[in-house]
Amino acid sequence: GLEALESAKQLVPNVMLLDINLPGMNGLQVARTL
């Protein structure tokens, strides 16, 4: 999840395919933060 946030902020993909159960930060937390 943490890597997902950093990469998303740098790359800004149109679509993110996101698993809910992730190490570091779960997918729901990633979605809320994004």
All heavy atoms as atom14 arrays in JSON, in Angstrom:
{
  "sequence": "GLEALESAKQLVPNVMLLDINLPGMNGLQVARTL",
  "atom14_mask": [
    [1, 1, 1, 1, 0, 0, 0, 0, 0, 0, 0, 0, 0, 0],
    [1, 1, 1, 1, 1, 1, 1, 1, 0, 0, 0, 0, 0, 0],
    [1, 1, 1, 1, 1, 1, 1, 1, 1, 0, 0, 0, 0, 0],
    [1, 1, 1, 1, 1, 0, 0, 0, 0, 0, 0, 0, 0, 0],
    [1, 1, 1, 1, 1, 1, 1, 1, 0, 0, 0, 0, 0, 0],
    [1, 1, 1, 1, 1, 1, 1, 1, 1, 0, 0, 0, 0, 0],
    [1, 1, 1, 1, 1, 1, 0, 0, 0, 0, 0, 0, 0, 0],
    [1, 1, 1, 1, 1, 0, 0, 0, 0, 0, 0, 0, 0, 0],
    [1, 1, 1, 1, 1, 1, 1, 1, 1, 0, 0, 0, 0, 0],
    [1, 1, 1, 1, 1, 1, 1, 1, 1, 0, 0, 0, 0, 0],
    [1, 1, 1, 1, 1, 1, 1, 1, 0, 0, 0, 0, 0, 0],
    [1, 1, 1, 1, 1, 1, 1, 0, 0, 0, 0, 0, 0, 0],
    [1, 1, 1, 1, 1, 1, 1, 0, 0, 0, 0, 0, 0, 0],
    [1, 1, 1, 1, 1, 1, 1, 1, 0, 0, 0, 0, 0, 0],
    [1, 1, 1, 1, 1, 1, 1, 0, 0, 0, 0, 0, 0, 0],
    [1, 1, 1, 1, 1, 1, 1, 1, 0, 0, 0, 0, 0, 0],
    [1, 1, 1, 1, 1, 1, 1, 1, 0, 0, 0, 0, 0, 0],
    [1, 1, 1, 1, 1, 1, 1, 1, 0, 0, 0, 0, 0, 0],
    [1, 1, 1, 1, 1, 1, 1, 1, 0, 0, 0, 0, 0, 0],
    [1, 1, 1, 1, 1, 1, 1, 1, 0, 0, 0, 0, 0, 0],
    [1, 1, 1, 1, 1, 1, 1, 1, 0, 0, 0, 0, 0, 0],
    [1, 1, 1, 1, 1, 1, 1, 1, 0, 0, 0, 0, 0, 0],
    [1, 1, 1, 1, 1, 1, 1, 0, 0, 0, 0, 0, 0, 0],
    [1, 1, 1, 1, 0, 0, 0, 0, 0, 0, 0, 0, 0, 0],
    [1, 1, 1, 1, 1, 1, 1, 1, 0, 0, 0, 0, 0, 0],
    [1, 1, 1, 1, 1, 1, 1, 1, 0, 0, 0, 0, 0, 0],
    [1, 1, 1, 1, 0, 0, 0, 0, 0, 0, 0, 0, 0, 0],
    [1, 1, 1, 1, 1, 1, 1, 1, 0, 0, 0, 0, 0, 0],
    [1, 1, 1, 1, 1, 1, 1, 1, 1, 0, 0, 0, 0, 0],
    [1, 1, 1, 1, 1, 1, 1, 0, 0, 0, 0, 0, 0, 0],
    [1, 1, 1, 1, 1, 0, 0, 0, 0, 0, 0, 0, 0, 0],
    [1, 1, 1, 1, 1, 1, 1, 1, 1, 1, 1, 0, 0, 0],
    [1, 1, 1, 1, 1, 1, 1, 0, 0, 0, 0, 0, 0, 0],
    [1, 1, 1, 1, 1, 1, 1, 1, 0, 0, 0, 0, 0, 0]
  ],
  "atom14_positions": [
    [[0.78, -1.23, 0.0], [0.0, 0.0, 0.0], [0.81, 1.27, 0.0], [0.49, 2.23, -0.7], [0.0, 0.0, 0.0], [0.0, 0.0, 0.0], [0.0, 0.0, 0.0], [0.0, 0.0, 0.0], [0.0, 0.0, 0.0], [0.0, 0.0, 0.0], [0.0, 0.0, 0.0], [0.0, 0.0, 0.0], [0.0, 0.0, 0.0], [0.0, 0.0, 0.0]],
    [[1.87, 1.32, 0.78], [2.7, 2.53, 0.84], [3.38, 2.8, -0.5], [3.43, 3.94, -0.97], [3.72, 2.42, 1.97], [3.12, 2.34, 3.38], [4.2, 2.03, 4.41], [2.4, 3.63, 3.72], [0.0, 0.0, 0.0], [0.0, 0.0, 0.0], [0.0, 0.0, 0.0], [0.0, 0.0, 0.0], [0.0, 0.0, 0.0], [0.0, 0.0, 0.0]],
    [[3.88, 1.74, -1.11], [4.51, 1.88, -2.43], [3.47, 2.32, -3.47], [3.77, 3.12, -4.36], [5.16, 0.55, -2.83], [5.94, 0.61, -4.11], [6.53, -0.75, -4.51], [6.26, -1.77, -3.85], [7.26, -0.76, -5.51], [0.0, 0.0, 0.0], [0.0, 0.0, 0.0], [0.0, 0.0, 0.0], [0.0, 0.0, 0.0], [0.0, 0.0, 0.0]],
    [[2.25, 1.82, -3.32], [1.18, 2.21, -4.25], [0.92, 3.71, -4.19], [0.78, 4.37, -5.22], [-0.1, 1.44, -3.92], [0.0, 0.0, 0.0], [0.0, 0.0, 0.0], [0.0, 0.0, 0.0], [0.0, 0.0, 0.0], [0.0, 0.0, 0.0], [0.0, 0.0, 0.0], [0.0, 0.0, 0.0], [0.0, 0.0, 0.0], [0.0, 0.0, 0.0]],
    [[0.87, 4.26, -2.97], [0.65, 5.7, -2.82], [1.76, 6.52, -3.46], [1.49, 7.47, -4.2], [0.54, 6.07, -1.34], [-0.78, 5.79, -0.66], [-0.7, 6.16, 0.82], [-1.91, 6.54, -1.35], [0.0, 0.0, 0.0], [0.0, 0.0, 0.0], [0.0, 0.0, 0.0], [0.0, 0.0, 0.0], [0.0, 0.0, 0.0], [0.0, 0.0, 0.0]],
    [[2.99, 6.15, -3.17], [4.13, 6.89, -3.74], [4.14, 6.82, -5.26], [4.32, 7.84, -5.93], [5.44, 6.37, -3.15], [5.63, 6.73, -1.69], [5.49, 8.22, -1.42], [6.1, 9.03, -2.14], [4.74, 8.57, -0.49], [0.0, 0.0, 0.0], [0.0, 0.0, 0.0], [0.0, 0.0, 0.0], [0.0, 0.0, 0.0], [0.0, 0.0, 0.0]],
    [[3.97, 5.62, -5.79], [3.98, 5.46, -7.26], [2.81, 6.19, -7.91], [2.97, 6.8, -8.96], [3.93, 3.98, -7.62], [5.12, 3.34, -7.22], [0.0, 0.0, 0.0], [0.0, 0.0, 0.0], [0.0, 0.0, 0.0], [0.0, 0.0, 0.0], [0.0, 0.0, 0.0], [0.0, 0.0, 0.0], [0.0, 0.0, 0.0], [0.0, 0.0, 0.0]],
    [[1.63, 6.13, -7.27], [0.46, 6.81, -7.84], [0.66, 8.32, -7.89], [0.29, 8.97, -8.87], [-0.78, 6.47, -7.02], [0.0, 0.0, 0.0], [0.0, 0.0, 0.0], [0.0, 0.0, 0.0], [0.0, 0.0, 0.0], [0.0, 0.0, 0.0], [0.0, 0.0, 0.0], [0.0, 0.0, 0.0], [0.0, 0.0, 0.0], [0.0, 0.0, 0.0]],
    [[1.26, 8.88, -6.86], [1.5, 10.33, -6.84], [2.5, 10.74, -7.92], [2.39, 11.83, -8.48], [2.0, 10.76, -5.46], [0.92, 10.71, -4.41], [1.47, 11.01, -3.04], [0.41, 10.84, -1.97], [0.96, 11.02, -0.61], [0.0, 0.0, 0.0], [0.0, 0.0, 0.0], [0.0, 0.0, 0.0], [0.0, 0.0, 0.0], [0.0, 0.0, 0.0]],
    [[3.46, 9.88, -8.22], [4.45, 10.2, -9.25], [3.92, 9.96, -10.66], [4.15, 10.75, -11.55], [5.71, 9.35, -9.04], [6.49, 9.72, -7.81], [7.65, 8.76, -7.57], [7.91, 7.86, -8.34], [8.36, 8.97, -6.46], [0.0, 0.0, 0.0], [0.0, 0.0, 0.0], [0.0, 0.0, 0.0], [0.0, 0.0, 0.0], [0.0, 0.0, 0.0]],
    [[3.21, 8.83, -10.85], [2.81, 8.4, -12.19], [1.39, 8.82, -12.58], [1.09, 8.93, -13.76], [2.95, 6.88, -12.32], [4.34, 6.31, -12.07], [4.3, 4.79, -12.02], [5.31, 6.8, -13.14], [0.0, 0.0, 0.0], [0.0, 0.0, 0.0], [0.0, 0.0, 0.0], [0.0, 0.0, 0.0], [0.0, 0.0, 0.0], [0.0, 0.0, 0.0]],
    [[0.52, 9.0, -11.61], [-0.9, 9.33, -11.8], [-1.54, 8.49, -12.92], [-1.86, 9.0, -14.0], [-1.13, 10.85, -12.04], [-2.62, 11.18, -11.96], [-0.34, 11.69, -11.07], [0.0, 0.0, 0.0], [0.0, 0.0, 0.0], [0.0, 0.0, 0.0], [0.0, 0.0, 0.0], [0.0, 0.0, 0.0], [0.0, 0.0, 0.0], [0.0, 0.0, 0.0]],
    [[-1.71, 7.2, -12.65], [-2.34, 6.33, -13.65], [-3.81, 6.71, -13.82], [-4.42, 7.29, -12.92], [-2.21, 4.94, -13.04], [-2.2, 5.19, -11.57], [-1.45, 6.49, -11.4], [0.0, 0.0, 0.0], [0.0, 0.0, 0.0], [0.0, 0.0, 0.0], [0.0, 0.0, 0.0], [0.0, 0.0, 0.0], [0.0, 0.0, 0.0], [0.0, 0.0, 0.0]],
    [[-4.38, 6.38, -14.96], [-5.83, 6.58, -15.16], [-6.62, 5.63, -14.27], [-7.64, 6.02, -13.71], [-6.23, 6.31, -16.61], [-5.56, 7.24, -17.58], [-4.91, 6.79, -18.53], [-5.68, 8.54, -17.39], [0.0, 0.0, 0.0], [0.0, 0.0, 0.0], [0.0, 0.0, 0.0], [0.0, 0.0, 0.0], [0.0, 0.0, 0.0], [0.0, 0.0, 0.0]],
    [[-6.14, 4.38, -14.17], [-6.85, 3.35, -13.41], [-5.86, 2.59, -12.54], [-4.76, 2.27, -12.97], [-7.57, 2.35, -14.35], [-8.24, 1.23, -13.58], [-8.59, 3.08, -15.24], [0.0, 0.0, 0.0], [0.0, 0.0, 0.0], [0.0, 0.0, 0.0], [0.0, 0.0, 0.0], [0.0, 0.0, 0.0], [0.0, 0.0, 0.0], [0.0, 0.0, 0.0]],
    [[-6.28, 2.32, -11.29], [-5.49, 1.5, -10.39], [-6.29, 0.24, -10.06], [-7.43, 0.33, -9.61], [-5.17, 2.25, -9.1], [-4.37, 1.42, -8.09], [-4.11, 2.29, -6.53], [-2.82, 3.44, -7.02], [0.0, 0.0, 0.0], [0.0, 0.0, 0.0], [0.0, 0.0, 0.0], [0.0, 0.0, 0.0], [0.0, 0.0, 0.0], [0.0, 0.0, 0.0]],
    [[-5.69, -0.92, -10.31], [-6.27, -2.2, -9.88], [-5.68, -2.48, -8.52], [-4.48, -2.7, -8.39], [-5.92, -3.31, -10.87], [-6.39, -3.07, -12.31], [-5.95, -4.22, -13.2], [-7.9, -2.88, -12.37], [0.0, 0.0, 0.0], [0.0, 0.0, 0.0], [0.0, 0.0, 0.0], [0.0, 0.0, 0.0], [0.0, 0.0, 0.0], [0.0, 0.0, 0.0]],
    [[-6.51, -2.46, -7.48], [-6.03, -2.41, -6.1], [-6.61, -3.55, -5.27], [-7.83, -3.66, -5.12], [-6.45, -1.06, -5.5], [-6.07, -0.73, -4.08], [-4.56, -0.74, -3.88], [-6.64, 0.64, -3.71], [0.0, 0.0, 0.0], [0.0, 0.0, 0.0], [0.0, 0.0, 0.0], [0.0, 0.0, 0.0], [0.0, 0.0, 0.0], [0.0, 0.0, 0.0]],
    [[-5.73, -4.38, -4.73], [-6.13, -5.44, -3.81], [-6.49, -4.79, -2.47], [-5.88, -3.79, -2.08], [-4.96, -6.42, -3.63], [-5.33, -7.65, -2.81], [-6.53, -7.88, -2.54], [-4.4, -8.38, -2.43], [0.0, 0.0, 0.0], [0.0, 0.0, 0.0], [0.0, 0.0, 0.0], [0.0, 0.0, 0.0], [0.0, 0.0, 0.0], [0.0, 0.0, 0.0]],
    [[-7.46, -5.35, -1.78], [-7.83, -4.8, -0.47], [-6.81, -5.2, 0.59], [-6.39, -4.39, 1.4], [-9.25, -5.22, -0.06], [-10.27, -4.47, -0.92], [-9.5, -4.95, 1.42], [-11.71, -4.77, -0.61], [0.0, 0.0, 0.0], [0.0, 0.0, 0.0], [0.0, 0.0, 0.0], [0.0, 0.0, 0.0], [0.0, 0.0, 0.0], [0.0, 0.0, 0.0]],
    [[-6.38, -6.46, 0.57], [-5.46, -6.95, 1.61], [-4.03, -6.81, 1.13], [-3.56, -7.59, 0.31], [-5.78, -8.41, 1.95], [-7.12, -8.53, 2.61], [-7.45, -7.76, 3.5], [-7.92, -9.49, 2.16], [0.0, 0.0, 0.0], [0.0, 0.0, 0.0], [0.0, 0.0, 0.0], [0.0, 0.0, 0.0], [0.0, 0.0, 0.0], [0.0, 0.0, 0.0]],
    [[-3.36, -5.78, 1.66], [-1.98, -5.49, 1.29], [-1.14, -5.29, 2.54], [-1.64, -4.82, 3.56], [-1.92, -4.19, 0.47], [-2.57, -4.18, -0.89], [-2.66, -2.75, -1.41], [-1.78, -5.05, -1.86], [0.0, 0.0, 0.0], [0.0, 0.0, 0.0], [0.0, 0.0, 0.0], [0.0, 0.0, 0.0], [0.0, 0.0, 0.0], [0.0, 0.0, 0.0]],
    [[0.16, -5.57, 2.44], [1.04, -5.23, 3.56], [1.27, -3.72, 3.61], [1.14, -3.02, 2.61], [2.34, -5.98, 3.23], [2.28, -6.3, 1.78], [0.84, -6.3, 1.38], [0.0, 0.0, 0.0], [0.0, 0.0, 0.0], [0.0, 0.0, 0.0], [0.0, 0.0, 0.0], [0.0, 0.0, 0.0], [0.0, 0.0, 0.0], [0.0, 0.0, 0.0]],
    [[1.59, -3.23, 4.79], [1.92, -1.81, 4.96], [0.7, -0.95, 5.17], [0.54, -0.31, 6.2], [0.0, 0.0, 0.0], [0.0, 0.0, 0.0], [0.0, 0.0, 0.0], [0.0, 0.0, 0.0], [0.0, 0.0, 0.0], [0.0, 0.0, 0.0], [0.0, 0.0, 0.0], [0.0, 0.0, 0.0], [0.0, 0.0, 0.0], [0.0, 0.0, 0.0]],
    [[-0.18, -0.93, 4.22], [-1.41, -0.13, 4.27], [-2.42, -0.87, 3.41], [-2.11, -1.22, 2.27], [-1.1, 1.27, 3.72], [-2.29, 2.18, 3.61], [-1.83, 3.77, 2.85], [-1.62, 4.77, 4.31], [0.0, 0.0, 0.0], [0.0, 0.0, 0.0], [0.0, 0.0, 0.0], [0.0, 0.0, 0.0], [0.0, 0.0, 0.0], [0.0, 0.0, 0.0]],
    [[-3.62, -1.13, 3.92], [-4.57, -1.91, 3.11], [-5.17, -1.07, 1.98], [-5.04, 0.15, 1.95], [-5.63, -2.58, 3.99], [-6.67, -1.63, 4.54], [-7.14, -0.73, 3.85], [-7.03, -1.84, 5.79], [0.0, 0.0, 0.0], [0.0, 0.0, 0.0], [0.0, 0.0, 0.0], [0.0, 0.0, 0.0], [0.0, 0.0, 0.0], [0.0, 0.0, 0.0]],
    [[-5.81, -1.74, 1.05], [-6.35, -1.09, -0.13], [-7.39, -0.03, 0.16], [-7.49, 0.98, -0.54], [0.0, 0.0, 0.0], [0.0, 0.0, 0.0], [0.0, 0.0, 0.0], [0.0, 0.0, 0.0], [0.0, 0.0, 0.0], [0.0, 0.0, 0.0], [0.0, 0.0, 0.0], [0.0, 0.0, 0.0], [0.0, 0.0, 0.0], [0.0, 0.0, 0.0]],
    [[-8.2, -0.24, 1.21], [-9.2, 0.77, 1.57], [-8.52, 2.05, 2.04], [-8.93, 3.15, 1.68], [-10.13, 0.23, 2.66], [-11.01, -0.95, 2.25], [-11.76, -1.49, 3.46], [-11.96, -0.59, 1.12], [0.0, 0.0, 0.0], [0.0, 0.0, 0.0], [0.0, 0.0, 0.0], [0.0, 0.0, 0.0], [0.0, 0.0, 0.0], [0.0, 0.0, 0.0]],
    [[-7.45, 1.91, 2.82], [-6.69, 3.07, 3.27], [-6.02, 3.78, 2.09], [-5.99, 5.01, 2.03], [-5.64, 2.67, 4.3], [-6.23, 2.15, 5.6], [-5.19, 1.47, 6.47], [-4.41, 0.65, 5.99], [-5.19, 1.82, 7.75], [0.0, 0.0, 0.0], [0.0, 0.0, 0.0], [0.0, 0.0, 0.0], [0.0, 0.0, 0.0], [0.0, 0.0, 0.0]],
    [[-5.48, 3.01, 1.17], [-4.86, 3.59, -0.03], [-5.9, 4.38, -0.81], [-5.65, 5.53, -1.21], [-4.23, 2.49, -0.92], [-3.79, 3.07, -2.26], [-3.06, 1.83, -0.21], [0.0, 0.0, 0.0], [0.0, 0.0, 0.0], [0.0, 0.0, 0.0], [0.0, 0.0, 0.0], [0.0, 0.0, 0.0], [0.0, 0.0, 0.0], [0.0, 0.0, 0.0]],
    [[-7.07, 3.79, -1.04], [-8.12, 4.47, -1.8], [-8.54, 5.77, -1.13], [-8.65, 6.81, -1.79], [-9.33, 3.54, -1.97], [0.0, 0.0, 0.0], [0.0, 0.0, 0.0], [0.0, 0.0, 0.0], [0.0, 0.0, 0.0], [0.0, 0.0, 0.0], [0.0, 0.0, 0.0], [0.0, 0.0, 0.0], [0.0, 0.0, 0.0], [0.0, 0.0, 0.0]],
    [[-8.77, 5.73, 0.18], [-9.17, 6.94, 0.92], [-8.1, 8.03, 0.8], [-8.41, 9.19, 0.56], [-9.39, 6.62, 2.4], [-10.78, 6.22, 2.72], [-11.0, 6.13, 4.22], [-11.75, 4.91, 4.49], [-11.23, 3.77, 4.92], [-9.96, 3.67, 5.18], [-12.0, 2.73, 5.11], [0.0, 0.0, 0.0], [0.0, 0.0, 0.0], [0.0, 0.0, 0.0]],
    [[-6.85, 7.64, 0.97], [-5.76, 8.61, 0.9], [-5.65, 9.21, -0.5], [-5.48, 10.42, -0.65], [-4.42, 7.94, 1.31], [-4.58, 7.4, 2.61], [-3.29, 8.94, 1.29], [0.0, 0.0, 0.0], [0.0, 0.0, 0.0], [0.0, 0.0, 0.0], [0.0, 0.0, 0.0], [0.0, 0.0, 0.0], [0.0, 0.0, 0.0], [0.0, 0.0, 0.0]],
    [[-5.78, 8.38, -1.53], [-5.72, 8.9, -2.89], [-6.86, 9.86, -3.18], [-6.66, 10.89, -3.82], [-5.73, 7.76, -3.9], [-4.42, 7.0, -4.04], [-4.57, 5.82, -4.98], [-3.3, 7.91, -4.53], [0.0, 0.0, 0.0], [0.0, 0.0, 0.0], [0.0, 0.0, 0.0], [0.0, 0.0, 0.0], [0.0, 0.0, 0.0], [0.0, 0.0, 0.0]]
  ]
}
